[in-house]
PDB file of N, CA and C in Angstrom:
ATOM      1  N   UNK A   1      33.161  10.161 126.231  1.00  0.00           N
ATOM      2  CA  UNK A   1      32.495  10.643 125.053  1.00  0.00           C
ATOM      3  C   UNK A   1      32.989   9.852 123.850  1.00  0.00           C
ATOM      4  N   UNK A   2      32.074   9.309 123.088  1.00  0.00           N
ATOM      5  CA  UNK A   2      32.432   8.597 121.863  1.00  0.00           C
ATOM      6  C   UNK A   2      32.479   9.584 120.708  1.00  0.00           C
ATOM      7  N   UNK A   3      33.544   9.513 119.922  1.00  0.00           N
ATOM      8  CA  UNK A   3      33.705  10.405 118.788  1.00  0.00           C
ATOM      9  C   UNK A   3      33.666   9.616 117.494  1.00  0.00           C
ATOM     10  N   UNK A   4      33.218  10.275 116.438  1.00  0.00           N
ATOM     11  CA  UNK A   4      33.295   9.703 115.097  1.00  0.00           C
ATOM     12  C   UNK A   4      34.771   9.484 114.791  1.00  0.00           C
ATOM     13  N   UNK A   5      35.152   8.270 114.491  1.00  0.00           N
ATOM     14  CA  UNK A   5      36.560   7.913 114.310  1.00  0.00           C
ATOM     15  C   UNK A   5      37.233   8.660 113.169  1.00  0.00           C
ATOM     16  N   UNK A   6      36.467   9.277 112.281  1.00  0.00           N
ATOM     17  CA  UNK A   6      37.041   9.992 111.143  1.00  0.00           C
ATOM     18  C   UNK A   6      36.827  11.498 111.206  1.00  0.00           C
ATOM     19  N   UNK A   7      36.435  12.011 112.367  1.00  0.00           N
ATOM     20  CA  UNK A   7      36.150  13.435 112.514  1.00  0.00           C
ATOM     21  C   UNK A   7      37.321  14.130 113.205  1.00  0.00           C
ATOM     22  N   UNK A   8      38.222  14.661 112.407  1.00  0.00           N
ATOM     23  CA  UNK A   8      39.416  15.315 112.957  1.00  0.00           C
ATOM     24  C   UNK A   8      39.057  16.514 113.816  1.00  0.00           C
ATOM     25  N   UNK A   9      38.019  17.256 113.426  1.00  0.00           N
ATOM     26  CA  UNK A   9      37.631  18.448 114.185  1.00  0.00           C
ATOM     27  C   UNK A   9      37.230  18.070 115.604  1.00  0.00           C
ATOM     28  N   UNK A  10      36.506  16.978 115.761  1.00  0.00           N
ATOM     29  CA  UNK A  10      36.084  16.541 117.092  1.00  0.00           C
ATOM     30  C   UNK A  10      37.289  16.156 117.945  1.00  0.00           C
ATOM     31  N   UNK A  11      38.239  15.444 117.355  1.00  0.00           N
ATOM     32  CA  UNK A  11      39.437  15.067 118.109  1.00  0.00           C
ATOM     33  C   UNK A  11      40.276  16.291 118.466  1.00  0.00           C
ATOM     34  N   UNK A  12      40.364  17.254 117.550  1.00  0.00           N
ATOM     35  CA  UNK A  12      41.111  18.478 117.833  1.00  0.00           C
ATOM     36  C   UNK A  12      40.465  19.233 118.985  1.00  0.00           C
ATOM     37  N   UNK A  13      39.150  19.378 118.940  1.00  0.00           N
ATOM     38  CA  UNK A  13      38.435  20.103 119.992  1.00  0.00           C
ATOM     39  C   UNK A  13      38.599  19.422 121.344  1.00  0.00           C
ATOM     40  N   UNK A  14      38.470  18.096 121.363  1.00  0.00           N
ATOM     41  CA  UNK A  14      38.613  17.398 122.642  1.00  0.00           C
ATOM     42  C   UNK A  14      40.051  17.464 123.130  1.00  0.00           C
ATOM     43  N   UNK A  15      40.998  17.427 122.217  1.00  0.00           N
ATOM     44  CA  UNK A  15      42.403  17.557 122.593  1.00  0.00           C
ATOM     45  C   UNK A  15      42.659  18.899 123.262  1.00  0.00           C
ATOM     46  N   UNK A  16      42.103  19.960 122.695  1.00  0.00           N
ATOM     47  CA  UNK A  16      42.267  21.291 123.283  1.00  0.00           C
ATOM     48  C   UNK A  16      41.627  21.364 124.666  1.00  0.00           C
ATOM     49  N   UNK A  17      40.441  20.790 124.800  1.00  0.00           N
ATOM     50  CA  UNK A  17      39.765  20.789 126.098  1.00  0.00           C
ATOM     51  C   UNK A  17      40.581  20.015 127.128  1.00  0.00           C
ATOM     52  N   UNK A  18      41.135  18.904 126.727  1.00  0.00           N
ATOM     53  CA  UNK A  18      41.943  18.105 127.651  1.00  0.00           C
ATOM     54  C   UNK A  18      43.220  18.837 128.050  1.00  0.00           C
ATOM     55  N   UNK A  19      43.852  19.515 127.108  1.00  0.00           N
ATOM     56  CA  UNK A  19      45.056  20.282 127.442  1.00  0.00           C
ATOM     57  C   UNK A  19      44.709  21.405 128.406  1.00  0.00           C
ATOM     58  N   UNK A  20      43.568  22.067 128.194  1.00  0.00           N
ATOM     59  CA  UNK A  20      43.134  23.157 129.060  1.00  0.00           C
ATOM     60  C   UNK A  20      42.939  22.678 130.492  1.00  0.00           C
ATOM     61  N   UNK A  21      42.465  21.439 130.660  1.00  0.00           N
ATOM     62  CA  UNK A  21      42.248  20.891 132.002  1.00  0.00           C
ATOM     63  C   UNK A  21      43.464  20.116 132.513  1.00  0.00           C
ATOM     64  N   UNK A  22      44.576  20.252 131.798  1.00  0.00           N
ATOM     65  CA  UNK A  22      45.857  19.637 132.162  1.00  0.00           C
ATOM     66  C   UNK A  22      45.856  18.110 132.079  1.00  0.00           C
ATOM     67  N   UNK A  23      44.940  17.551 131.284  1.00  0.00           N
ATOM     68  CA  UNK A  23      44.970  16.122 130.958  1.00  0.00           C
ATOM     69  C   UNK A  23      45.856  15.977 129.722  1.00  0.00           C
ATOM     70  N   UNK A  24      47.163  16.140 129.939  1.00  0.00           N
ATOM     71  CA  UNK A  24      48.095  16.193 128.820  1.00  0.00           C
ATOM     72  C   UNK A  24      48.216  14.865 128.081  1.00  0.00           C
ATOM     73  N   UNK A  25      48.112  13.765 128.787  1.00  0.00           N
ATOM     74  CA  UNK A  25      48.184  12.460 128.125  1.00  0.00           C
ATOM     75  C   UNK A  25      46.983  12.274 127.187  1.00  0.00           C
ATOM     76  N   UNK A  26      45.791  12.600 127.674  1.00  0.00           N
ATOM     77  CA  UNK A  26      44.600  12.512 126.835  1.00  0.00           C
ATOM     78  C   UNK A  26      44.661  13.476 125.660  1.00  0.00           C
ATOM     79  N   UNK A  27      45.177  14.679 125.915  1.00  0.00           N
ATOM     80  CA  UNK A  27      45.324  15.674 124.846  1.00  0.00           C
ATOM     81  C   UNK A  27      46.268  15.160 123.769  1.00  0.00           C
ATOM     82  N   UNK A  28      47.344  14.535 124.191  1.00  0.00           N
ATOM     83  CA  UNK A  28      48.319  13.991 123.247  1.00  0.00           C
ATOM     84  C   UNK A  28      47.691  12.890 122.391  1.00  0.00           C
ATOM     85  N   UNK A  29      46.944  11.996 123.023  1.00  0.00           N
ATOM     86  CA  UNK A  29      46.292  10.908 122.281  1.00  0.00           C
ATOM     87  C   UNK A  29      45.317  11.455 121.241  1.00  0.00           C
ATOM     88  N   UNK A  30      44.500  12.424 121.646  1.00  0.00           N
ATOM     89  CA  UNK A  30      43.522  12.982 120.713  1.00  0.00           C
ATOM     90  C   UNK A  30      44.193  13.782 119.601  1.00  0.00           C
ATOM     91  N   UNK A  31      45.242  14.519 119.924  1.00  0.00           N
ATOM     92  CA  UNK A  31      45.963  15.275 118.890  1.00  0.00           C
ATOM     93  C   UNK A  31      46.591  14.317 117.881  1.00  0.00           C
ATOM     94  N   UNK A  32      47.164  13.228 118.375  1.00  0.00           N
ATOM     95  CA  UNK A  32      47.749  12.239 117.462  1.00  0.00           C
ATOM     96  C   UNK A  32      46.691  11.664 116.527  1.00  0.00           C
ATOM     97  N   UNK A  33      45.511  11.359 117.060  1.00  0.00           N
ATOM     98  CA  UNK A  33      44.433  10.807 116.223  1.00  0.00           C
ATOM     99  C   UNK A  33      43.976  11.846 115.199  1.00  0.00           C
ATOM    100  N   UNK A  34      43.822  13.086 115.622  1.00  0.00           N
ATOM    101  CA  UNK A  34      43.411  14.147 114.699  1.00  0.00           C
ATOM    102  C   UNK A  34      44.440  14.321 113.589  1.00  0.00           C
ATOM    103  N   UNK A  35      45.716  14.181 113.924  1.00  0.00           N
ATOM    104  CA  UNK A  35      46.778  14.340 112.934  1.00  0.00           C
ATOM    105  C   UNK A  35      46.795  13.186 111.935  1.00  0.00           C
ATOM    106  N   UNK A  36      46.382  12.001 112.360  1.00  0.00           N
ATOM    107  CA  UNK A  36      46.280  10.881 111.423  1.00  0.00           C
ATOM    108  C   UNK A  36      45.228  11.175 110.357  1.00  0.00           C
ATOM    109  N   UNK A  37      44.166  11.860 110.757  1.00  0.00           N
ATOM    110  CA  UNK A  37      43.073  12.171 109.844  1.00  0.00           C
ATOM    111  C   UNK A  37      43.407  13.405 109.000  1.00  0.00           C
ATOM    112  N   UNK A  38      43.966  14.432 109.644  1.00  0.00           N
ATOM    113  CA  UNK A  38      44.267  15.697 108.960  1.00  0.00           C
ATOM    114  C   UNK A  38      45.649  16.183 109.392  1.00  0.00           C
ATOM    115  N   UNK A  39      46.695  15.750 108.709  1.00  0.00           N
ATOM    116  CA  UNK A  39      48.063  16.062 109.134  1.00  0.00           C
ATOM    117  C   UNK A  39      48.531  17.483 108.837  1.00  0.00           C
ATOM    118  N   UNK A  40      47.703  18.317 108.223  1.00  0.00           N
ATOM    119  CA  UNK A  40      48.150  19.675 107.903  1.00  0.00           C
ATOM    120  C   UNK A  40      47.474  20.753 108.744  1.00  0.00           C
ATOM    121  N   UNK A  41      46.720  20.368 109.764  1.00  0.00           N
ATOM    122  CA  UNK A  41      46.040  21.336 110.626  1.00  0.00           C
ATOM    123  C   UNK A  41      47.007  21.816 111.705  1.00  0.00           C
ATOM    124  N   UNK A  42      47.318  23.096 111.696  1.00  0.00           N
ATOM    125  CA  UNK A  42      48.279  23.641 112.659  1.00  0.00           C
ATOM    126  C   UNK A  42      47.795  23.507 114.095  1.00  0.00           C
ATOM    127  N   UNK A  43      46.470  23.530 114.319  1.00  0.00           N
ATOM    128  CA  UNK A  43      45.941  23.398 115.682  1.00  0.00           C
ATOM    129  C   UNK A  43      46.354  22.075 116.315  1.00  0.00           C
ATOM    130  N   UNK A  44      46.405  21.017 115.510  1.00  0.00           N
ATOM    131  CA  UNK A  44      46.792  19.709 116.040  1.00  0.00           C
ATOM    132  C   UNK A  44      48.240  19.717 116.525  1.00  0.00           C
ATOM    133  N   UNK A  45      49.115  20.329 115.753  1.00  0.00           N
ATOM    134  CA  UNK A  45      50.520  20.417 116.164  1.00  0.00           C
ATOM    135  C   UNK A  45      50.671  21.313 117.386  1.00  0.00           C
ATOM    136  N   UNK A  46      49.902  22.402 117.416  1.00  0.00           N
ATOM    137  CA  UNK A  46      49.981  23.312 118.553  1.00  0.00           C
ATOM    138  C   UNK A  46      49.585  22.611 119.849  1.00  0.00           C
ATOM    139  N   UNK A  47      48.417  21.980 119.849  1.00  0.00           N
ATOM    140  CA  UNK A  47      47.946  21.350 121.084  1.00  0.00           C
ATOM    141  C   UNK A  47      48.817  20.153 121.447  1.00  0.00           C
ATOM    142  N   UNK A  48      49.327  19.432 120.454  1.00  0.00           N
ATOM    143  CA  UNK A  48      50.235  18.329 120.766  1.00  0.00           C
ATOM    144  C   UNK A  48      51.525  18.866 121.378  1.00  0.00           C
ATOM    145  N   UNK A  49      52.004  19.996 120.878  1.00  0.00           N
ATOM    146  CA  UNK A  49      53.192  20.616 121.461  1.00  0.00           C
ATOM    147  C   UNK A  49      52.968  21.020 122.905  1.00  0.00           C
ATOM    148  N   UNK A  50      51.823  21.615 123.177  1.00  0.00           N
ATOM    149  CA  UNK A  50      51.484  22.001 124.552  1.00  0.00           C
ATOM    150  C   UNK A  50      51.407  20.764 125.437  1.00  0.00           C
ATOM    151  N   UNK A  51      50.784  19.706 124.936  1.00  0.00           N
ATOM    152  CA  UNK A  51      50.666  18.467 125.710  1.00  0.00           C
ATOM    153  C   UNK A  51      52.039  17.873 126.003  1.00  0.00           C
ATOM    154  N   UNK A  52      52.903  17.841 125.003  1.00  0.00           N
ATOM    155  CA  UNK A  52      54.249  17.306 125.219  1.00  0.00           C
ATOM    156  C   UNK A  52      54.998  18.133 126.255  1.00  0.00           C
ATOM    157  N   UNK A  53      54.875  19.450 126.175  1.00  0.00           N
ATOM    158  CA  UNK A  53      55.535  20.306 127.168  1.00  0.00           C
ATOM    159  C   UNK A  53      54.997  19.985 128.566  1.00  0.00           C
ATOM    160  N   UNK A  54      53.675  19.806 128.664  1.00  0.00           N
ATOM    161  CA  UNK A  54      53.057  19.484 129.946  1.00  0.00           C
ATOM    162  C   UNK A  54      53.511  18.151 130.505  1.00  0.00           C
ATOM    163  N   UNK A  55      53.917  17.241 129.621  1.00  0.00           N
ATOM    164  CA  UNK A  55      54.405  15.927 130.039  1.00  0.00           C
ATOM    165  C   UNK A  55      55.921  15.903 130.230  1.00  0.00           C
ATOM    166  N   UNK A  56      56.563  17.062 130.064  1.00  0.00           N
ATOM    167  CA  UNK A  56      58.003  17.148 130.296  1.00  0.00           C
ATOM    168  C   UNK A  56      58.867  16.918 129.073  1.00  0.00           C
ATOM    169  N   UNK A  57      58.268  16.816 127.894  1.00  0.00           N
ATOM    170  CA  UNK A  57      59.025  16.614 126.656  1.00  0.00           C
ATOM    171  C   UNK A  57      59.195  17.959 125.954  1.00  0.00           C
ATOM    172  N   UNK A  58      60.137  18.748 126.447  1.00  0.00           N
ATOM    173  CA  UNK A  58      60.357  20.077 125.894  1.00  0.00           C
ATOM    174  C   UNK A  58      60.834  20.067 124.461  1.00  0.00           C
ATOM    175  N   UNK A  59      61.725  19.145 124.132  1.00  0.00           N
ATOM    176  CA  UNK A  59      62.254  19.075 122.766  1.00  0.00           C
ATOM    177  C   UNK A  59      61.131  18.731 121.784  1.00  0.00           C
ATOM    178  N   UNK A  60      60.357  17.709 122.103  1.00  0.00           N
ATOM    179  CA  UNK A  60      59.247  17.326 121.235  1.00  0.00           C
ATOM    180  C   UNK A  60      58.182  18.404 121.158  1.00  0.00           C
ATOM    181  N   UNK A  61      57.908  19.027 122.300  1.00  0.00           N
ATOM    182  CA  UNK A  61      56.916  20.099 122.327  1.00  0.00           C
ATOM    183  C   UNK A  61      57.326  21.273 121.467  1.00  0.00           C
ATOM    184  N   UNK A  62      58.581  21.671 121.583  1.00  0.00           N
ATOM    185  CA  UNK A  62      59.073  22.793 120.777  1.00  0.00           C
ATOM    186  C   UNK A  62      59.062  22.450 119.290  1.00  0.00           C
ATOM    187  N   UNK A  63      59.366  21.207 118.959  1.00  0.00           N
ATOM    188  CA  UNK A  63      59.313  20.789 117.559  1.00  0.00           C
ATOM    189  C   UNK A  63      57.911  20.913 116.991  1.00  0.00           C
ATOM    190  N   UNK A  64      56.913  20.482 117.766  1.00  0.00           N
ATOM    191  CA  UNK A  64      55.529  20.592 117.298  1.00  0.00           C
ATOM    192  C   UNK A  64      55.077  22.045 117.231  1.00  0.00           C
ATOM    193  N   UNK A  65      55.492  22.866 118.197  1.00  0.00           N
ATOM    194  CA  UNK A  65      55.135  24.285 118.147  1.00  0.00           C
ATOM    195  C   UNK A  65      55.737  24.952 116.916  1.00  0.00           C
ATOM    196  N   UNK A  66      56.967  24.583 116.589  1.00  0.00           N
ATOM    197  CA  UNK A  66      57.611  25.150 115.410  1.00  0.00           C
ATOM    198  C   UNK A  66      56.883  24.714 114.133  1.00  0.00           C
ATOM    199  N   UNK A  67      56.480  23.448 114.078  1.00  0.00           N
ATOM    200  CA  UNK A  67      55.726  22.969 112.919  1.00  0.00           C
ATOM    201  C   UNK A  67      54.405  23.718 112.797  1.00  0.00           C
ATOM    202  N   UNK A  68      53.703  23.903 113.920  1.00  0.00           N
ATOM    203  CA  UNK A  68      52.439  24.646 113.896  1.00  0.00           C
ATOM    204  C   UNK A  68      52.659  26.074 113.410  1.00  0.00           C
ATOM    205  N   UNK A  69      53.737  26.695 113.868  1.00  0.00           N
ATOM    206  CA  UNK A  69      54.059  28.053 113.419  1.00  0.00           C
ATOM    207  C   UNK A  69      54.339  28.067 111.921  1.00  0.00           C
ATOM    208  N   UNK A  70      55.072  27.081 111.445  1.00  0.00           N
ATOM    209  CA  UNK A  70      55.375  26.995 110.011  1.00  0.00           C
ATOM    210  C   UNK A  70      54.120  26.774 109.169  1.00  0.00           C
ATOM    211  N   UNK A  71      53.097  26.160 109.774  1.00  0.00           N
ATOM    212  CA  UNK A  71      51.824  25.949 109.084  1.00  0.00           C
ATOM    213  C   UNK A  71      50.908  27.170 109.182  1.00  0.00           C
ATOM    214  N   UNK A  72      51.374  28.221 109.869  1.00  0.00           N
ATOM    215  CA  UNK A  72      50.625  29.473 109.892  1.00  0.00           C
ATOM    216  C   UNK A  72      50.003  29.877 111.206  1.00  0.00           C
ATOM    217  N   UNK A  73      50.242  29.151 112.280  1.00  0.00           N
ATOM    218  CA  UNK A  73      49.643  29.488 113.567  1.00  0.00           C
ATOM    219  C   UNK A  73      50.425  30.601 114.263  1.00  0.00           C
ATOM    220  N   UNK A  74      49.808  31.771 114.377  1.00  0.00           N
ATOM    221  CA  UNK A  74      50.442  32.892 115.073  1.00  0.00           C
ATOM    222  C   UNK A  74      50.587  32.584 116.561  1.00  0.00           C
ATOM    223  N   UNK A  75      49.595  31.907 117.137  1.00  0.00           N
ATOM    224  CA  UNK A  75      49.649  31.543 118.554  1.00  0.00           C
ATOM    225  C   UNK A  75      50.822  30.601 118.821  1.00  0.00           C
ATOM    226  N   UNK A  76      51.037  29.657 117.931  1.00  0.00           N
ATOM    227  CA  UNK A  76      52.161  28.732 118.087  1.00  0.00           C
ATOM    228  C   UNK A  76      53.486  29.470 117.954  1.00  0.00           C
ATOM    229  N   UNK A  77      53.557  30.414 117.039  1.00  0.00           N
ATOM    230  CA  UNK A  77      54.793  31.190 116.849  1.00  0.00           C
ATOM    231  C   UNK A  77      55.132  31.960 118.130  1.00  0.00           C
ATOM    232  N   UNK A  78      54.128  32.603 118.712  1.00  0.00           N
ATOM    233  CA  UNK A  78      54.337  33.356 119.947  1.00  0.00           C
ATOM    234  C   UNK A  78      54.745  32.429 121.083  1.00  0.00           C
ATOM    235  N   UNK A  79      54.051  31.308 121.221  1.00  0.00           N
ATOM    236  CA  UNK A  79      54.362  30.351 122.282  1.00  0.00           C
ATOM    237  C   UNK A  79      55.758  29.786 122.096  1.00  0.00           C
ATOM    238  N   UNK A  80      56.120  29.467 120.863  1.00  0.00           N
ATOM    239  CA  UNK A  80      57.466  28.961 120.576  1.00  0.00           C
ATOM    240  C   UNK A  80      58.518  29.986 120.992  1.00  0.00           C
ATOM    241  N   UNK A  81      58.311  31.236 120.637  1.00  0.00           N
ATOM    242  CA  UNK A  81      59.279  32.282 120.975  1.00  0.00           C
ATOM    243  C   UNK A  81      59.402  32.470 122.483  1.00  0.00           C
ATOM    244  N   UNK A  82      58.312  32.281 123.212  1.00  0.00           N
ATOM    245  CA  UNK A  82      58.330  32.444 124.664  1.00  0.00           C
ATOM    246  C   UNK A  82      58.972  31.264 125.379  1.00  0.00           C
ATOM    247  N   UNK A  83      58.727  30.054 124.898  1.00  0.00           N
ATOM    248  CA  UNK A  83      59.134  28.859 125.639  1.00  0.00           C
ATOM    249  C   UNK A  83      60.343  28.123 125.076  1.00  0.00           C
ATOM    250  N   UNK A  84      60.663  28.349 123.822  1.00  0.00           N
ATOM    251  CA  UNK A  84      61.654  27.488 123.176  1.00  0.00           C
ATOM    252  C   UNK A  84      62.918  28.210 122.741  1.00  0.00           C
ATOM    253  N   UNK A  85      63.004  29.465 122.937  1.00  0.00           N
ATOM    254  CA  UNK A  85      64.201  30.204 122.511  1.00  0.00           C
ATOM    255  C   UNK A  85      65.110  30.464 123.674  1.00  0.00           C
TER     256      UNK A  85
END
């Protein structure tokens, strides 16, 4: 699927879909691109954290989950408390 290179929402959505199907590498790439466009969206940090955890990077994943929680994501806060404490 070709995406508009400047559409952060599209990259975020595809990142979430890829994480859901356990394509963590693809999810990470799309989350990184979405963050380049919109670095304050908590969803991007959340899905990147999930992707990093799926790839075995617990420290990096927990860092992104904490950032997402700090940006206001209740889901990230809950996930952080479950997986990173």
